[in-house]
C-alpha cells in the first residue's frame, strides 16, 4: 500500500473553481486556519516549546507572553500575568488556565468582552492557533521556543533596568544643577 495521499483527498483542501491560470491553489480561509492549527499542534510534541500569547497588534506586536501551567490573568492591572497597555482592556479582563490537560479562556466580566476566532465568548477551550482579542489587542495562542522566550524576557528586563538607571541619573543631575545654581 502506498504512503501517498489519495489525490481526491488533496483536492478537497482547496477550491478548484478558484484555481489560478498557472494552477495556483486558492484555499478557503477556514481551511487555512485549520491547517495552521494542525501544524502548531504538531509542534507541541517536541518538548522544546512553551505555550504563549503572541501579540499581533500594537503596542505589543511581536511580544510573546509566556503562559504558566495554572492561572494567567490578562488585563491592564500591574499584577497580571499578561499586563496590557490597552485602554479598551479591563484591569482584569480575562483568564487563561491549564487544567485537566486543557487550556481554557474565561472572560472575567469585562465590559468589552473576550473574543476567540471572531466569536465573543464567556468561556472556551483553546487550541493552539486560536486568535484571541482582549480590548483592541489581538493575540495568537501558540507555542514558542523556550530559549528564545527567555532571551526576550531578559531583554525586556534589561530595557527596564536601563530606563530606570537613566531616570535615576537624570534626577541626580537635576539635583546637582539645582544645588549649583540655586
N, C-alpha and C. Protein backbone atom coordinates (compact mmCIF):
# COMPACT_ATOMS: atom_id res chain seq x y z
N UNK A 1 0.84 -1.18 0.00
CA UNK A 1 0.00 0.00 0.00
C UNK A 1 0.88 1.24 0.00
N UNK A 2 0.58 2.18 -0.81
CA UNK A 2 1.39 3.39 -0.97
C UNK A 2 1.15 4.36 0.17
N UNK A 3 2.19 5.12 0.54
CA UNK A 3 2.05 6.10 1.62
C UNK A 3 1.60 7.45 1.07
N UNK A 4 1.44 7.56 -0.24
CA UNK A 4 1.00 8.83 -0.82
C UNK A 4 -0.48 9.05 -0.53
N UNK A 5 -0.84 10.33 -0.44
CA UNK A 5 -2.24 10.67 -0.20
C UNK A 5 -3.06 10.42 -1.46
N UNK A 6 -4.29 10.11 -1.24
CA UNK A 6 -5.22 9.94 -2.32
C UNK A 6 -5.43 11.30 -3.00
N UNK A 7 -5.25 11.41 -4.31
CA UNK A 7 -5.39 12.70 -4.98
C UNK A 7 -6.76 13.33 -4.77
N UNK A 8 -7.80 12.53 -4.63
CA UNK A 8 -9.14 13.10 -4.43
C UNK A 8 -9.24 13.75 -3.06
N UNK A 9 -8.50 13.25 -2.06
CA UNK A 9 -8.49 13.88 -0.75
C UNK A 9 -7.77 15.22 -0.82
N UNK A 10 -6.68 15.29 -1.58
CA UNK A 10 -5.92 16.53 -1.71
C UNK A 10 -6.78 17.63 -2.33
N UNK A 11 -7.58 17.29 -3.31
CA UNK A 11 -8.40 18.28 -4.00
C UNK A 11 -9.45 18.89 -3.07
N UNK A 12 -9.88 18.17 -2.04
CA UNK A 12 -10.91 18.69 -1.15
C UNK A 12 -10.38 19.82 -0.27
N UNK A 13 -9.04 19.99 -0.20
CA UNK A 13 -8.45 21.03 0.62
C UNK A 13 -8.47 22.40 -0.04
N UNK A 14 -8.71 22.47 -1.32
CA UNK A 14 -8.73 23.77 -1.99
C UNK A 14 -9.95 23.84 -2.90
N UNK A 15 -10.22 25.04 -3.33
CA UNK A 15 -11.37 25.27 -4.20
C UNK A 15 -10.92 25.24 -5.65
N UNK A 16 -11.34 24.19 -6.35
CA UNK A 16 -10.94 24.04 -7.75
C UNK A 16 -11.47 25.18 -8.61
N UNK A 17 -12.64 25.68 -8.26
CA UNK A 17 -13.24 26.75 -9.05
C UNK A 17 -12.48 28.06 -8.90
N UNK A 18 -11.57 28.15 -7.92
CA UNK A 18 -10.80 29.37 -7.70
C UNK A 18 -9.33 29.20 -8.07
N UNK A 19 -8.97 28.12 -8.72
CA UNK A 19 -7.57 27.89 -9.10
C UNK A 19 -7.15 28.92 -10.14
N UNK A 20 -5.93 29.44 -9.98
CA UNK A 20 -5.40 30.44 -10.89
C UNK A 20 -5.00 29.84 -12.23
N UNK A 21 -4.64 30.69 -13.20
CA UNK A 21 -4.30 30.21 -14.55
C UNK A 21 -3.06 29.32 -14.58
N UNK A 22 -2.14 29.51 -13.65
CA UNK A 22 -0.93 28.66 -13.63
C UNK A 22 -1.12 27.48 -12.69
N UNK A 23 -2.33 27.24 -12.27
CA UNK A 23 -2.59 26.12 -11.38
C UNK A 23 -2.43 26.47 -9.91
N UNK A 24 -2.33 27.76 -9.60
CA UNK A 24 -2.21 28.20 -8.21
C UNK A 24 -3.45 27.77 -7.45
N UNK A 25 -3.23 27.15 -6.29
CA UNK A 25 -4.35 26.68 -5.50
C UNK A 25 -4.81 27.78 -4.56
N UNK A 26 -6.11 28.00 -4.48
CA UNK A 26 -6.68 29.00 -3.59
C UNK A 26 -7.45 28.26 -2.51
N UNK A 27 -7.06 28.46 -1.28
CA UNK A 27 -7.68 27.78 -0.16
C UNK A 27 -8.72 28.68 0.49
N UNK A 28 -9.77 28.10 1.01
CA UNK A 28 -10.72 28.85 1.82
C UNK A 28 -10.02 29.26 3.10
N UNK A 29 -10.39 30.43 3.65
CA UNK A 29 -9.72 30.91 4.86
C UNK A 29 -9.92 29.96 6.03
N UNK A 30 -11.07 29.32 6.13
CA UNK A 30 -11.30 28.37 7.22
C UNK A 30 -10.37 27.17 7.08
N UNK A 31 -10.09 26.76 5.84
CA UNK A 31 -9.18 25.64 5.59
C UNK A 31 -7.76 26.02 5.98
N UNK A 32 -7.35 27.25 5.66
CA UNK A 32 -6.01 27.72 6.01
C UNK A 32 -5.88 27.75 7.53
N UNK A 33 -6.88 28.27 8.23
CA UNK A 33 -6.86 28.31 9.70
C UNK A 33 -6.71 26.90 10.27
N UNK A 34 -7.43 25.93 9.71
CA UNK A 34 -7.36 24.56 10.19
C UNK A 34 -5.96 23.98 9.96
N UNK A 35 -5.37 24.24 8.80
CA UNK A 35 -4.04 23.72 8.50
C UNK A 35 -3.00 24.34 9.44
N UNK A 36 -3.12 25.64 9.74
CA UNK A 36 -2.20 26.30 10.66
C UNK A 36 -2.32 25.67 12.04
N UNK A 37 -3.55 25.46 12.50
CA UNK A 37 -3.76 24.84 13.82
C UNK A 37 -3.15 23.44 13.88
N UNK A 38 -3.29 22.66 12.81
CA UNK A 38 -2.73 21.31 12.79
C UNK A 38 -1.20 21.36 12.89
N UNK A 39 -0.57 22.29 12.17
CA UNK A 39 0.89 22.41 12.22
C UNK A 39 1.36 22.84 13.61
N UNK A 40 0.65 23.77 14.22
CA UNK A 40 1.03 24.23 15.55
C UNK A 40 0.85 23.09 16.55
N UNK A 41 -0.21 22.31 16.44
CA UNK A 41 -0.43 21.18 17.34
C UNK A 41 0.72 20.19 17.25
N UNK A 42 1.28 19.98 16.03
CA UNK A 42 2.39 19.05 15.86
C UNK A 42 3.62 19.52 16.64
N UNK A 43 3.81 20.82 16.74
CA UNK A 43 4.96 21.37 17.45
C UNK A 43 4.92 21.04 18.94
N UNK A 44 3.72 20.85 19.47
CA UNK A 44 3.54 20.61 20.90
C UNK A 44 4.31 19.37 21.36
N UNK A 45 4.49 18.41 20.50
CA UNK A 45 5.08 17.14 20.89
C UNK A 45 6.60 17.15 21.01
N UNK A 46 7.29 18.17 20.51
CA UNK A 46 8.76 18.12 20.51
C UNK A 46 9.40 18.51 21.83
N UNK A 47 8.67 19.05 22.76
CA UNK A 47 9.18 19.32 24.10
C UNK A 47 10.02 20.57 24.27
N UNK A 48 10.34 21.29 23.20
CA UNK A 48 11.17 22.49 23.33
C UNK A 48 10.33 23.77 23.31
N UNK A 49 9.05 23.64 23.17
CA UNK A 49 8.18 24.81 23.05
C UNK A 49 7.40 25.03 24.34
N UNK A 50 7.04 26.29 24.56
CA UNK A 50 6.22 26.64 25.71
C UNK A 50 5.00 27.43 25.22
N UNK A 51 3.86 27.28 25.89
CA UNK A 51 2.66 28.00 25.46
C UNK A 51 2.81 29.50 25.71
N UNK A 52 2.27 30.28 24.78
CA UNK A 52 2.38 31.73 24.89
C UNK A 52 1.25 32.41 24.13
N UNK A 53 1.05 33.66 24.48
CA UNK A 53 0.20 34.54 23.69
C UNK A 53 1.14 35.44 22.91
N UNK A 54 1.10 35.36 21.59
CA UNK A 54 1.95 36.16 20.73
C UNK A 54 1.11 37.34 20.24
N UNK A 55 1.45 38.55 20.69
CA UNK A 55 0.69 39.74 20.31
C UNK A 55 0.89 40.04 18.83
N UNK A 56 -0.23 40.34 18.15
CA UNK A 56 -0.16 40.63 16.72
C UNK A 56 -0.53 42.07 16.41
N UNK A 57 -0.86 42.87 17.44
CA UNK A 57 -1.22 44.27 17.23
C UNK A 57 -0.39 45.17 18.14
N UNK A 58 -0.30 46.44 17.77
CA UNK A 58 0.44 47.42 18.55
C UNK A 58 -0.32 47.72 19.83
N UNK A 59 0.31 48.10 20.91
CA UNK A 59 1.72 48.39 21.07
C UNK A 59 2.56 47.16 21.43
N UNK A 60 1.95 46.00 21.49
CA UNK A 60 2.65 44.79 21.93
C UNK A 60 3.06 43.88 20.78
N UNK A 61 2.89 44.31 19.53
CA UNK A 61 3.12 43.45 18.36
C UNK A 61 4.48 42.75 18.44
N UNK A 62 4.44 41.42 18.26
CA UNK A 62 5.65 40.61 18.27
C UNK A 62 6.07 40.14 19.65
N UNK A 63 5.44 40.66 20.69
CA UNK A 63 5.82 40.27 22.05
C UNK A 63 5.14 38.96 22.42
N UNK A 64 5.91 38.04 22.97
CA UNK A 64 5.38 36.75 23.41
C UNK A 64 5.20 36.78 24.92
N UNK A 65 3.99 36.56 25.38
CA UNK A 65 3.68 36.48 26.79
C UNK A 65 3.60 35.00 27.16
N UNK A 66 4.58 34.52 27.90
CA UNK A 66 4.61 33.10 28.27
C UNK A 66 3.50 32.80 29.26
N UNK A 67 2.89 31.64 29.10
CA UNK A 67 1.79 31.23 29.98
C UNK A 67 2.26 30.18 30.96
N UNK A 68 1.83 30.31 32.19
CA UNK A 68 2.13 29.34 33.24
C UNK A 68 1.10 28.22 33.19
N UNK A 69 1.52 27.02 33.58
CA UNK A 69 0.57 25.92 33.70
C UNK A 69 -0.17 26.14 35.01
N UNK A 70 -1.31 26.76 34.94
CA UNK A 70 -2.10 27.17 36.09
C UNK A 70 -2.98 28.31 35.66
N UNK A 71 -2.93 29.41 36.40
CA UNK A 71 -3.80 30.57 36.14
C UNK A 71 -3.00 31.74 35.60
N UNK A 72 -3.49 32.35 34.51
CA UNK A 72 -2.86 33.51 33.87
C UNK A 72 -3.93 34.57 33.66
N UNK A 73 -3.81 35.70 34.34
CA UNK A 73 -4.79 36.78 34.21
C UNK A 73 -4.27 37.80 33.20
N UNK A 74 -5.18 38.24 32.31
CA UNK A 74 -4.85 39.19 31.26
C UNK A 74 -5.62 40.47 31.52
N UNK A 75 -4.96 41.63 31.43
CA UNK A 75 -5.63 42.90 31.58
C UNK A 75 -4.66 44.03 31.82
N UNK A 76 -5.21 45.22 32.16
CA UNK A 76 -4.37 46.39 32.38
C UNK A 76 -3.70 46.41 33.75
N UNK A 77 -4.20 45.61 34.70
CA UNK A 77 -3.66 45.60 36.05
C UNK A 77 -2.20 45.20 36.10
N UNK A 78 -1.42 45.88 36.96
CA UNK A 78 0.02 45.64 37.03
C UNK A 78 0.37 44.26 37.58
N UNK A 79 -0.46 43.64 38.37
CA UNK A 79 -0.16 42.35 38.94
C UNK A 79 -0.54 41.18 38.05
N UNK A 80 -1.02 41.46 36.86
CA UNK A 80 -1.47 40.39 35.96
C UNK A 80 -0.31 39.63 35.34
N UNK A 81 -0.59 38.40 34.93
CA UNK A 81 0.40 37.60 34.21
C UNK A 81 0.72 38.25 32.87
N UNK A 82 -0.31 38.81 32.23
CA UNK A 82 -0.17 39.49 30.94
C UNK A 82 -0.72 40.91 31.14
N UNK A 83 0.19 41.88 31.29
CA UNK A 83 -0.21 43.27 31.51
C UNK A 83 -0.24 43.99 30.17
N UNK A 84 -1.40 44.57 29.85
CA UNK A 84 -1.59 45.25 28.57
C UNK A 84 -1.64 46.76 28.73
N UNK A 85 -1.14 47.45 27.73
CA UNK A 85 -1.26 48.90 27.65
C UNK A 85 -2.34 49.18 26.62
N UNK A 86 -3.58 48.91 27.02
CA UNK A 86 -4.72 49.00 26.12
C UNK A 86 -5.90 49.56 26.91
N UNK A 87 -6.32 50.80 26.62
CA UNK A 87 -7.42 51.39 27.38
C UNK A 87 -8.76 50.65 27.21
N UNK A 88 -8.89 49.84 26.16
CA UNK A 88 -10.12 49.10 25.93
C UNK A 88 -10.17 47.80 26.73
N UNK A 89 -9.05 47.44 27.36
CA UNK A 89 -9.00 46.22 28.18
C UNK A 89 -9.35 46.58 29.61
N UNK A 90 -10.05 45.69 30.29
CA UNK A 90 -10.35 45.88 31.71
C UNK A 90 -9.11 45.58 32.53
N UNK A 91 -9.11 46.00 33.78
CA UNK A 91 -7.92 45.76 34.62
C UNK A 91 -7.68 44.27 34.82
N UNK A 92 -8.73 43.49 34.98
CA UNK A 92 -8.64 42.02 34.96
C UNK A 92 -9.67 41.56 33.94
N UNK A 93 -9.25 41.45 32.71
CA UNK A 93 -10.14 41.26 31.57
C UNK A 93 -10.52 39.79 31.35
N UNK A 94 -9.51 38.92 31.32
CA UNK A 94 -9.75 37.51 31.02
C UNK A 94 -8.71 36.66 31.76
N UNK A 95 -8.98 35.38 31.79
CA UNK A 95 -8.08 34.45 32.47
C UNK A 95 -7.91 33.21 31.61
N UNK A 96 -6.66 32.79 31.46
CA UNK A 96 -6.36 31.53 30.76
C UNK A 96 -5.81 30.57 31.80
N UNK A 97 -6.39 29.39 31.85
CA UNK A 97 -5.95 28.38 32.82
C UNK A 97 -5.64 27.07 32.10
N UNK A 98 -4.78 26.31 32.73
CA UNK A 98 -4.48 24.96 32.25
C UNK A 98 -4.88 24.00 33.34
N UNK A 99 -5.83 23.13 33.04
CA UNK A 99 -6.22 22.09 33.99
C UNK A 99 -6.79 20.92 33.22
N UNK A 100 -6.61 19.75 33.77
CA UNK A 100 -7.10 18.51 33.15
C UNK A 100 -6.62 18.37 31.70
N UNK A 101 -5.39 18.85 31.44
CA UNK A 101 -4.81 18.70 30.11
C UNK A 101 -5.36 19.63 29.06
N UNK A 102 -6.13 20.65 29.47
CA UNK A 102 -6.72 21.57 28.51
C UNK A 102 -6.46 23.01 28.91
N UNK A 103 -6.31 23.86 27.89
CA UNK A 103 -6.22 25.29 28.10
C UNK A 103 -7.61 25.88 27.92
N UNK A 104 -8.01 26.73 28.85
CA UNK A 104 -9.33 27.38 28.79
C UNK A 104 -9.16 28.88 28.94
N UNK A 105 -10.03 29.62 28.28
CA UNK A 105 -10.08 31.06 28.49
C UNK A 105 -11.43 31.40 29.10
N UNK A 106 -11.41 32.33 30.03
CA UNK A 106 -12.62 32.75 30.75
C UNK A 106 -12.66 34.26 30.74
N UNK A 107 -13.76 34.82 30.25
CA UNK A 107 -13.96 36.27 30.30
C UNK A 107 -14.30 36.63 31.74
N UNK A 108 -13.60 37.61 32.31
CA UNK A 108 -13.82 37.99 33.70
C UNK A 108 -14.76 39.19 33.80
N UNK A 109 -15.90 39.12 33.15
CA UNK A 109 -16.92 40.16 33.17
C UNK A 109 -16.39 41.51 32.71
N UNK A 110 -15.52 41.48 31.72
CA UNK A 110 -15.01 42.72 31.15
C UNK A 110 -16.12 43.43 30.38
N UNK A 111 -16.04 44.74 30.29
CA UNK A 111 -17.09 45.49 29.62
C UNK A 111 -17.08 45.28 28.11
N UNK A 112 -15.91 45.04 27.50
CA UNK A 112 -15.83 44.85 26.05
C UNK A 112 -15.84 43.39 25.62
N UNK A 113 -15.78 42.47 26.57
CA UNK A 113 -15.82 41.05 26.25
C UNK A 113 -14.48 40.51 25.76
N UNK A 114 -14.44 39.21 25.61
CA UNK A 114 -13.27 38.49 25.11
C UNK A 114 -13.69 37.77 23.84
N UNK A 115 -12.87 37.88 22.81
CA UNK A 115 -13.23 37.32 21.50
C UNK A 115 -12.20 36.26 21.11
N UNK A 116 -12.68 35.08 20.73
CA UNK A 116 -11.81 34.00 20.26
C UNK A 116 -12.26 33.63 18.84
N UNK A 117 -11.33 33.74 17.91
CA UNK A 117 -11.60 33.42 16.49
C UNK A 117 -12.84 34.16 15.97
N UNK A 118 -12.98 35.43 16.37
CA UNK A 118 -14.07 36.27 15.88
C UNK A 118 -15.38 36.10 16.62
N UNK A 119 -15.43 35.25 17.64
CA UNK A 119 -16.67 34.99 18.37
C UNK A 119 -16.52 35.43 19.83
N UNK A 120 -17.48 36.22 20.31
CA UNK A 120 -17.47 36.66 21.71
C UNK A 120 -17.77 35.45 22.59
N UNK A 121 -16.91 35.25 23.62
CA UNK A 121 -17.07 34.07 24.46
C UNK A 121 -17.08 34.45 25.93
N UNK A 122 -17.72 33.61 26.72
CA UNK A 122 -17.63 33.76 28.18
C UNK A 122 -16.63 32.75 28.73
N UNK A 123 -16.60 31.57 28.10
CA UNK A 123 -15.61 30.54 28.45
C UNK A 123 -15.45 29.64 27.23
N UNK A 124 -14.21 29.16 27.03
CA UNK A 124 -13.97 28.32 25.86
C UNK A 124 -12.67 27.53 26.04
N UNK A 125 -12.65 26.33 25.51
CA UNK A 125 -11.42 25.53 25.46
C UNK A 125 -10.61 26.07 24.28
N UNK A 126 -9.32 26.28 24.51
CA UNK A 126 -8.45 26.82 23.47
C UNK A 126 -7.65 25.73 22.77
N UNK A 127 -7.33 25.99 21.52
CA UNK A 127 -6.43 25.15 20.73
C UNK A 127 -5.32 26.05 20.23
N UNK A 128 -4.11 25.48 20.10
CA UNK A 128 -3.02 26.28 19.55
C UNK A 128 -3.41 26.73 18.15
N UNK A 129 -3.19 28.01 17.88
CA UNK A 129 -3.58 28.60 16.61
C UNK A 129 -4.80 29.49 16.74
N UNK A 130 -5.49 29.44 17.90
CA UNK A 130 -6.65 30.31 18.11
C UNK A 130 -6.21 31.76 18.18
N UNK A 131 -7.07 32.64 17.69
CA UNK A 131 -6.83 34.09 17.75
C UNK A 131 -7.70 34.66 18.86
N UNK A 132 -7.08 35.40 19.77
CA UNK A 132 -7.77 35.94 20.94
C UNK A 132 -7.68 37.45 20.91
N UNK A 133 -8.81 38.12 21.16
CA UNK A 133 -8.83 39.58 21.24
C UNK A 133 -9.30 40.01 22.61
N UNK A 134 -8.47 40.84 23.26
CA UNK A 134 -8.77 41.41 24.56
C UNK A 134 -8.66 42.92 24.38
N UNK A 135 -9.78 43.63 24.51
CA UNK A 135 -9.78 45.06 24.19
C UNK A 135 -9.48 45.20 22.71
N UNK A 136 -8.49 46.04 22.38
CA UNK A 136 -8.07 46.21 20.98
C UNK A 136 -6.84 45.37 20.66
N UNK A 137 -6.36 44.61 21.64
CA UNK A 137 -5.14 43.83 21.47
C UNK A 137 -5.48 42.42 21.01
N UNK A 138 -4.80 41.98 19.95
CA UNK A 138 -5.03 40.63 19.42
C UNK A 138 -3.80 39.77 19.66
N UNK A 139 -4.06 38.49 19.94
CA UNK A 139 -3.00 37.52 20.21
C UNK A 139 -3.22 36.28 19.38
N UNK A 140 -2.14 35.55 19.17
CA UNK A 140 -2.19 34.20 18.63
C UNK A 140 -1.80 33.29 19.78
N UNK A 141 -2.65 32.33 20.13
CA UNK A 141 -2.34 31.35 21.16
C UNK A 141 -1.49 30.29 20.49
N UNK A 142 -0.23 30.21 20.89
CA UNK A 142 0.71 29.39 20.15
C UNK A 142 1.79 28.82 21.07
N UNK A 143 2.74 28.17 20.46
CA UNK A 143 3.92 27.68 21.17
C UNK A 143 5.12 28.44 20.65
N UNK A 144 6.02 28.80 21.57
CA UNK A 144 7.24 29.50 21.18
C UNK A 144 8.43 28.72 21.73
N UNK A 145 9.58 28.91 21.11
CA UNK A 145 10.80 28.26 21.57
C UNK A 145 11.14 28.78 22.95
N UNK A 146 11.34 27.89 23.91
CA UNK A 146 11.58 28.30 25.30
C UNK A 146 12.87 29.11 25.43
N UNK A 147 13.90 28.80 24.65
CA UNK A 147 15.16 29.56 24.72
C UNK A 147 14.97 30.97 24.20
N UNK A 148 14.28 31.13 23.08
CA UNK A 148 14.03 32.47 22.52
C UNK A 148 13.17 33.29 23.46
N UNK A 149 12.19 32.64 24.09
CA UNK A 149 11.31 33.34 25.01
C UNK A 149 12.09 33.87 26.21
N UNK A 150 13.05 33.09 26.71
CA UNK A 150 13.86 33.52 27.85
C UNK A 150 14.73 34.71 27.45
N UNK A 151 15.29 34.68 26.24
CA UNK A 151 16.11 35.80 25.76
C UNK A 151 15.26 37.06 25.68
N UNK A 152 14.02 36.93 25.18
CA UNK A 152 13.13 38.09 25.08
C UNK A 152 12.82 38.65 26.47
N UNK A 153 12.54 37.78 27.44
CA UNK A 153 12.27 38.24 28.80
C UNK A 153 13.47 38.96 29.38
N UNK A 154 14.68 38.43 29.15
CA UNK A 154 15.90 39.06 29.65
C UNK A 154 16.09 40.43 29.02
N UNK A 155 15.82 40.56 27.71
CA UNK A 155 15.95 41.85 27.03
C UNK A 155 14.98 42.87 27.62
N UNK A 156 13.71 42.44 27.86
CA UNK A 156 12.72 43.36 28.42
C UNK A 156 13.15 43.82 29.81
N UNK A 157 13.67 42.89 30.62
CA UNK A 157 14.11 43.24 31.95
C UNK A 157 15.29 44.21 31.87
N UNK A 158 16.20 43.98 30.93
CA UNK A 158 17.34 44.85 30.75
C UNK A 158 16.89 46.24 30.30
N UNK A 159 15.91 46.31 29.40
CA UNK A 159 15.40 47.60 28.94
C UNK A 159 14.84 48.40 30.11
N UNK A 160 14.08 47.76 30.99
CA UNK A 160 13.50 48.46 32.14
C UNK A 160 14.61 48.91 33.09
N UNK A 161 15.63 48.08 33.26
CA UNK A 161 16.75 48.46 34.12
C UNK A 161 17.48 49.67 33.53
N UNK A 162 17.66 49.70 32.21
CA UNK A 162 18.32 50.81 31.55
C UNK A 162 17.48 52.08 31.71
N UNK A 163 16.20 51.99 31.48
CA UNK A 163 15.31 53.15 31.62
C UNK A 163 15.34 53.65 33.07
N UNK A 164 15.28 52.74 34.01
CA UNK A 164 15.33 53.14 35.43
C UNK A 164 16.65 53.81 35.78
N UNK A 165 17.74 53.26 35.29
CA UNK A 165 19.06 53.85 35.55
C UNK A 165 19.17 55.24 34.96
N UNK A 166 18.69 55.41 33.74
CA UNK A 166 18.71 56.73 33.11
C UNK A 166 17.84 57.72 33.87
N UNK A 167 16.71 57.26 34.37
CA UNK A 167 15.83 58.12 35.17
C UNK A 167 16.49 58.58 36.45
N UNK A 168 17.15 57.65 37.15
CA UNK A 168 17.86 58.00 38.38
C UNK A 168 18.99 58.98 38.07
N UNK A 169 19.72 58.74 36.99
CA UNK A 169 20.82 59.64 36.61
C UNK A 169 20.29 61.04 36.30
N UNK A 170 19.15 61.12 35.62
CA UNK A 170 18.56 62.43 35.29
C UNK A 170 18.14 63.16 36.56
N UNK A 171 17.58 62.47 37.52
CA UNK A 171 17.16 63.09 38.78
C UNK A 171 18.39 63.60 39.54
N UNK A 172 19.44 62.82 39.59
CA UNK A 172 20.67 63.24 40.27
C UNK A 172 21.25 64.47 39.59
N UNK A 173 21.29 64.45 38.26
CA UNK A 173 21.81 65.59 37.50
C UNK A 173 20.99 66.84 37.78
N UNK A 174 19.68 66.74 37.78
CA UNK A 174 18.82 67.88 38.09
C UNK A 174 19.07 68.38 39.50
N UNK A 175 19.27 67.45 40.43
CA UNK A 175 19.54 67.85 41.81
C UNK A 175 20.85 68.59 41.93
N UNK A 176 21.88 68.11 41.26
CA UNK A 176 23.18 68.78 41.28
C UNK A 176 23.08 70.17 40.64
N UNK A 177 22.42 70.26 39.50
CA UNK A 177 22.25 71.55 38.83
C UNK A 177 21.47 72.52 39.71
N UNK A 178 20.42 72.05 40.35
CA UNK A 178 19.63 72.89 41.23
C UNK A 178 20.48 73.38 42.41
N UNK A 179 21.30 72.51 42.97
CA UNK A 179 22.17 72.88 44.10
C UNK A 179 23.20 73.92 43.68
N UNK A 180 23.75 73.75 42.44
CA UNK A 180 24.77 74.69 41.96
C UNK A 180 24.20 76.07 41.64
N UNK A 181 23.04 76.12 41.08
CA UNK A 181 22.51 77.40 40.59
C UNK A 181 21.46 78.03 41.49
N UNK A 182 21.08 77.38 42.56
CA UNK A 182 20.07 77.99 43.44
C UNK A 182 20.65 78.37 44.72
